[in-house]
N, C-alpha and C. Protein backbone atom coordinates (compact mmCIF):
# COMPACT_ATOMS: atom_id res chain seq x y z
N MET A 1 -117.96 173.61 -75.27
CA MET A 1 -117.83 172.82 -74.07
C MET A 1 -116.57 171.86 -74.23
N ARG A 2 -115.78 171.71 -73.15
CA ARG A 2 -114.74 170.88 -73.35
C ARG A 2 -115.08 169.42 -73.06
N GLN A 3 -114.39 168.95 -74.01
CA GLN A 3 -114.64 167.21 -73.89
C GLN A 3 -113.59 166.48 -73.05
N LYS A 4 -113.85 165.79 -72.03
CA LYS A 4 -113.25 165.09 -71.14
C LYS A 4 -112.41 163.96 -71.79
N MET A 5 -110.91 163.87 -71.57
CA MET A 5 -110.38 162.92 -72.06
C MET A 5 -109.83 161.75 -71.22
N LEU A 6 -109.97 160.66 -71.64
CA LEU A 6 -109.49 159.58 -70.72
C LEU A 6 -108.08 158.98 -71.09
N PHE A 7 -107.10 158.70 -70.25
CA PHE A 7 -106.00 158.02 -70.53
C PHE A 7 -105.94 156.85 -69.77
N TYR A 8 -105.25 155.87 -70.32
CA TYR A 8 -104.69 154.69 -69.69
C TYR A 8 -103.44 154.26 -69.60
N ARG A 9 -103.14 153.65 -68.70
CA ARG A 9 -101.72 153.45 -68.65
C ARG A 9 -101.47 152.04 -68.94
N GLY A 10 -100.58 151.61 -70.08
CA GLY A 10 -100.30 150.20 -70.23
C GLY A 10 -98.87 150.01 -69.96
N GLY A 11 -98.47 148.67 -69.79
CA GLY A 11 -96.92 148.34 -69.65
C GLY A 11 -96.91 147.13 -69.14
N TYR A 12 -95.52 146.85 -69.09
CA TYR A 12 -94.93 145.67 -68.76
C TYR A 12 -94.56 145.94 -67.30
N TYR A 13 -95.03 145.00 -66.53
CA TYR A 13 -94.91 145.11 -64.86
C TYR A 13 -93.66 144.02 -64.48
N LEU A 14 -93.39 143.12 -65.46
CA LEU A 14 -92.69 142.03 -65.03
C LEU A 14 -91.27 142.25 -65.96
N ILE A 15 -90.25 143.10 -65.48
CA ILE A 15 -88.98 143.38 -66.21
C ILE A 15 -87.96 143.05 -65.08
N LYS A 16 -86.81 142.85 -65.58
CA LYS A 16 -85.53 142.54 -64.79
C LYS A 16 -84.72 143.60 -65.35
N MET A 17 -84.48 144.74 -64.50
CA MET A 17 -83.59 145.80 -64.99
C MET A 17 -82.28 145.27 -64.91
N ARG A 18 -81.67 146.32 -65.91
CA ARG A 18 -80.12 146.17 -66.21
C ARG A 18 -79.58 147.45 -66.22
N PRO A 19 -78.46 147.65 -65.88
CA PRO A 19 -77.59 148.88 -65.92
C PRO A 19 -77.39 149.11 -67.58
N ILE A 20 -77.53 150.46 -67.64
CA ILE A 20 -77.32 151.02 -69.15
C ILE A 20 -75.87 150.76 -69.57
N GLY A 21 -75.60 150.26 -70.61
CA GLY A 21 -74.21 150.01 -70.96
C GLY A 21 -73.61 150.88 -71.99
N PHE A 22 -74.25 152.26 -72.36
CA PHE A 22 -73.79 153.08 -73.19
C PHE A 22 -74.25 154.58 -72.89
N GLY A 23 -73.50 155.65 -73.63
CA GLY A 23 -74.07 156.97 -73.45
C GLY A 23 -73.55 157.42 -72.02
N THR A 24 -74.18 158.48 -71.76
CA THR A 24 -73.68 159.24 -70.46
C THR A 24 -74.49 158.72 -69.21
N GLN A 25 -75.33 157.76 -69.50
CA GLN A 25 -76.11 157.13 -68.39
C GLN A 25 -75.41 155.67 -68.03
N VAL A 26 -74.42 155.48 -68.43
CA VAL A 26 -73.31 154.23 -68.24
C VAL A 26 -73.85 153.88 -66.78
N SER A 27 -74.18 152.62 -66.40
CA SER A 27 -74.15 152.04 -65.01
C SER A 27 -75.39 152.27 -64.49
N LYS A 28 -76.13 153.26 -64.90
CA LYS A 28 -77.52 153.65 -64.01
C LYS A 28 -78.51 152.68 -64.71
N SER A 29 -79.48 152.40 -63.80
CA SER A 29 -80.67 151.59 -64.08
C SER A 29 -81.84 152.46 -64.48
N VAL A 30 -82.67 151.63 -65.40
CA VAL A 30 -83.73 152.30 -65.92
C VAL A 30 -85.17 151.54 -66.18
N PHE A 31 -86.33 152.06 -66.01
CA PHE A 31 -87.20 151.27 -66.14
C PHE A 31 -87.63 151.59 -67.56
N THR A 32 -87.70 150.57 -68.49
CA THR A 32 -87.95 150.76 -69.86
C THR A 32 -88.60 149.07 -70.26
N CYS A 33 -89.46 148.98 -71.24
CA CYS A 33 -89.77 147.71 -71.76
C CYS A 33 -88.87 147.21 -73.13
N SER A 34 -87.78 148.22 -73.38
CA SER A 34 -87.06 147.79 -74.44
C SER A 34 -86.22 146.65 -73.92
N ASP A 35 -86.37 145.59 -75.02
CA ASP A 35 -85.56 144.21 -74.54
C ASP A 35 -84.22 144.62 -75.16
N CYS A 36 -83.88 145.57 -75.59
CA CYS A 36 -82.32 145.70 -75.81
C CYS A 36 -81.49 146.43 -74.63
N ILE A 37 -82.22 146.68 -73.59
CA ILE A 37 -81.73 147.16 -72.44
C ILE A 37 -82.02 146.20 -71.04
N ASN A 38 -83.08 145.58 -71.17
CA ASN A 38 -83.33 144.67 -69.96
C ASN A 38 -84.06 143.24 -70.58
N ASP A 39 -83.93 142.22 -69.70
CA ASP A 39 -84.67 140.95 -69.95
C ASP A 39 -86.00 141.19 -69.68
N SER A 40 -87.01 141.15 -70.56
CA SER A 40 -88.24 141.36 -70.34
C SER A 40 -88.79 140.10 -70.22
N LEU A 41 -89.70 139.89 -68.97
CA LEU A 41 -90.34 138.66 -68.64
C LEU A 41 -91.70 138.39 -69.52
N ILE A 42 -92.11 139.55 -70.04
CA ILE A 42 -93.31 139.31 -71.18
C ILE A 42 -92.67 139.16 -72.32
N GLY A 43 -93.11 138.11 -72.81
CA GLY A 43 -92.78 137.71 -74.28
C GLY A 43 -93.86 137.01 -74.94
N SER A 44 -93.51 136.66 -76.00
CA SER A 44 -94.64 135.52 -76.71
C SER A 44 -94.74 134.56 -75.93
N TRP A 45 -94.00 133.80 -75.08
CA TRP A 45 -94.11 132.57 -74.49
C TRP A 45 -95.06 132.68 -73.31
N SER A 46 -95.21 134.20 -72.82
CA SER A 46 -96.23 134.34 -71.81
C SER A 46 -97.76 134.39 -72.07
N TYR A 47 -98.13 134.50 -73.41
CA TYR A 47 -99.36 134.60 -73.84
C TYR A 47 -100.04 133.13 -74.12
N SER A 48 -101.23 132.83 -73.47
CA SER A 48 -101.90 131.69 -74.05
C SER A 48 -102.33 131.54 -75.32
N TRP A 49 -102.52 132.61 -76.05
CA TRP A 49 -103.08 132.37 -77.38
C TRP A 49 -101.83 132.43 -78.41
N THR A 50 -100.86 132.53 -78.02
CA THR A 50 -99.41 132.33 -79.03
C THR A 50 -99.20 130.76 -79.36
N THR A 51 -98.77 130.82 -80.57
CA THR A 51 -98.47 129.55 -81.01
C THR A 51 -96.97 129.35 -80.90
N ASN A 52 -96.64 128.22 -80.75
CA ASN A 52 -95.21 127.64 -80.11
C ASN A 52 -94.63 128.40 -79.14
N ASN A 53 -95.36 128.87 -78.06
CA ASN A 53 -94.93 129.53 -77.06
C ASN A 53 -94.14 128.81 -75.94
N ASP A 54 -93.93 127.37 -76.40
CA ASP A 54 -93.18 126.52 -75.32
C ASP A 54 -91.81 126.14 -76.00
N LEU A 55 -91.56 126.74 -76.99
CA LEU A 55 -90.07 126.39 -77.83
C LEU A 55 -89.10 126.65 -76.98
N ASP A 56 -89.07 127.90 -76.46
CA ASP A 56 -87.79 128.05 -75.43
C ASP A 56 -88.12 128.07 -74.10
N ILE A 57 -89.03 127.35 -73.81
CA ILE A 57 -89.82 127.60 -72.12
C ILE A 57 -88.69 127.07 -71.23
N GLU A 58 -87.77 126.05 -71.24
CA GLU A 58 -86.78 125.65 -70.41
C GLU A 58 -85.69 126.92 -70.06
N ASP A 59 -85.47 127.53 -71.24
CA ASP A 59 -84.57 128.96 -71.08
C ASP A 59 -85.25 129.79 -70.16
N ILE A 60 -86.77 129.97 -70.48
CA ILE A 60 -87.23 131.20 -69.47
C ILE A 60 -87.35 130.69 -68.26
N LYS A 61 -87.66 129.45 -68.08
CA LYS A 61 -87.76 128.86 -66.61
C LYS A 61 -86.32 129.12 -65.92
N ASP A 62 -85.44 128.70 -66.57
CA ASP A 62 -84.00 128.95 -65.93
C ASP A 62 -83.68 130.56 -65.75
N GLN A 63 -83.93 131.24 -66.65
CA GLN A 63 -83.48 132.94 -66.81
C GLN A 63 -84.31 133.50 -65.55
N PHE A 64 -85.50 133.14 -65.55
CA PHE A 64 -86.51 134.03 -64.58
C PHE A 64 -86.68 133.26 -63.30
N GLN A 65 -86.35 132.01 -63.49
CA GLN A 65 -86.57 131.09 -61.95
C GLN A 65 -88.00 130.86 -61.78
N LEU A 66 -88.69 130.36 -63.08
CA LEU A 66 -90.00 130.22 -62.80
C LEU A 66 -90.35 128.62 -62.92
N LYS A 67 -91.43 128.35 -62.25
CA LYS A 67 -91.93 126.86 -62.12
C LYS A 67 -93.10 126.80 -63.35
N GLY A 68 -93.60 125.51 -63.94
CA GLY A 68 -94.29 125.39 -64.80
C GLY A 68 -95.88 125.98 -64.36
N GLU A 69 -95.90 125.93 -62.89
CA GLU A 69 -97.29 126.50 -62.54
C GLU A 69 -97.32 127.97 -62.50
N GLN A 70 -96.24 128.55 -62.29
CA GLN A 70 -96.17 130.03 -62.31
C GLN A 70 -96.30 130.64 -63.72
N ILE A 71 -95.79 129.75 -64.91
CA ILE A 71 -95.83 130.07 -66.20
C ILE A 71 -97.34 130.14 -66.61
N GLN A 72 -98.11 128.97 -66.19
CA GLN A 72 -99.50 128.94 -66.40
C GLN A 72 -100.23 130.12 -65.81
N LEU A 73 -100.06 130.49 -64.49
CA LEU A 73 -100.62 131.58 -63.84
C LEU A 73 -100.42 132.92 -64.55
N ILE A 74 -99.25 133.06 -65.18
CA ILE A 74 -98.77 134.26 -66.15
C ILE A 74 -99.64 134.28 -67.45
N ARG A 75 -99.74 133.05 -67.96
CA ARG A 75 -100.45 132.92 -69.19
C ARG A 75 -101.82 133.36 -68.96
N GLU A 76 -102.50 132.90 -67.88
CA GLU A 76 -104.07 133.12 -67.61
C GLU A 76 -104.20 134.53 -67.26
N TRP A 77 -103.10 135.32 -66.55
CA TRP A 77 -103.44 136.61 -66.31
C TRP A 77 -103.16 137.51 -67.54
N GLY A 78 -102.22 137.12 -68.39
CA GLY A 78 -101.79 137.89 -69.65
C GLY A 78 -102.89 137.60 -70.94
N GLY A 79 -103.67 136.74 -70.77
CA GLY A 79 -104.76 136.41 -71.78
C GLY A 79 -104.33 135.60 -72.62
C-alpha cells in the first residue's frame, strides 16, 4: 500500500526584488529568500519573540516605508 505524502510550502512573502548583479543572469530579477540578492522584509526585527528586535527599527522603517503600526501587525502575523 502506498503512503500518501504531504508537502507544505513555506517561505517569505515580503521581499523586495533586485536585479541579479552577477553571472549569466545579470539584470534579471529573481524570486529568492537569499538576502545577498534581495532586501528581505522578514528578519529578526519582524518576530515578536526575538530579543533586541528594535535595534535597527528606524532603518527598517525607512528602507521599507513602514509605520510603527504596520511593524506591530507584521510581528503579530509572524508570531
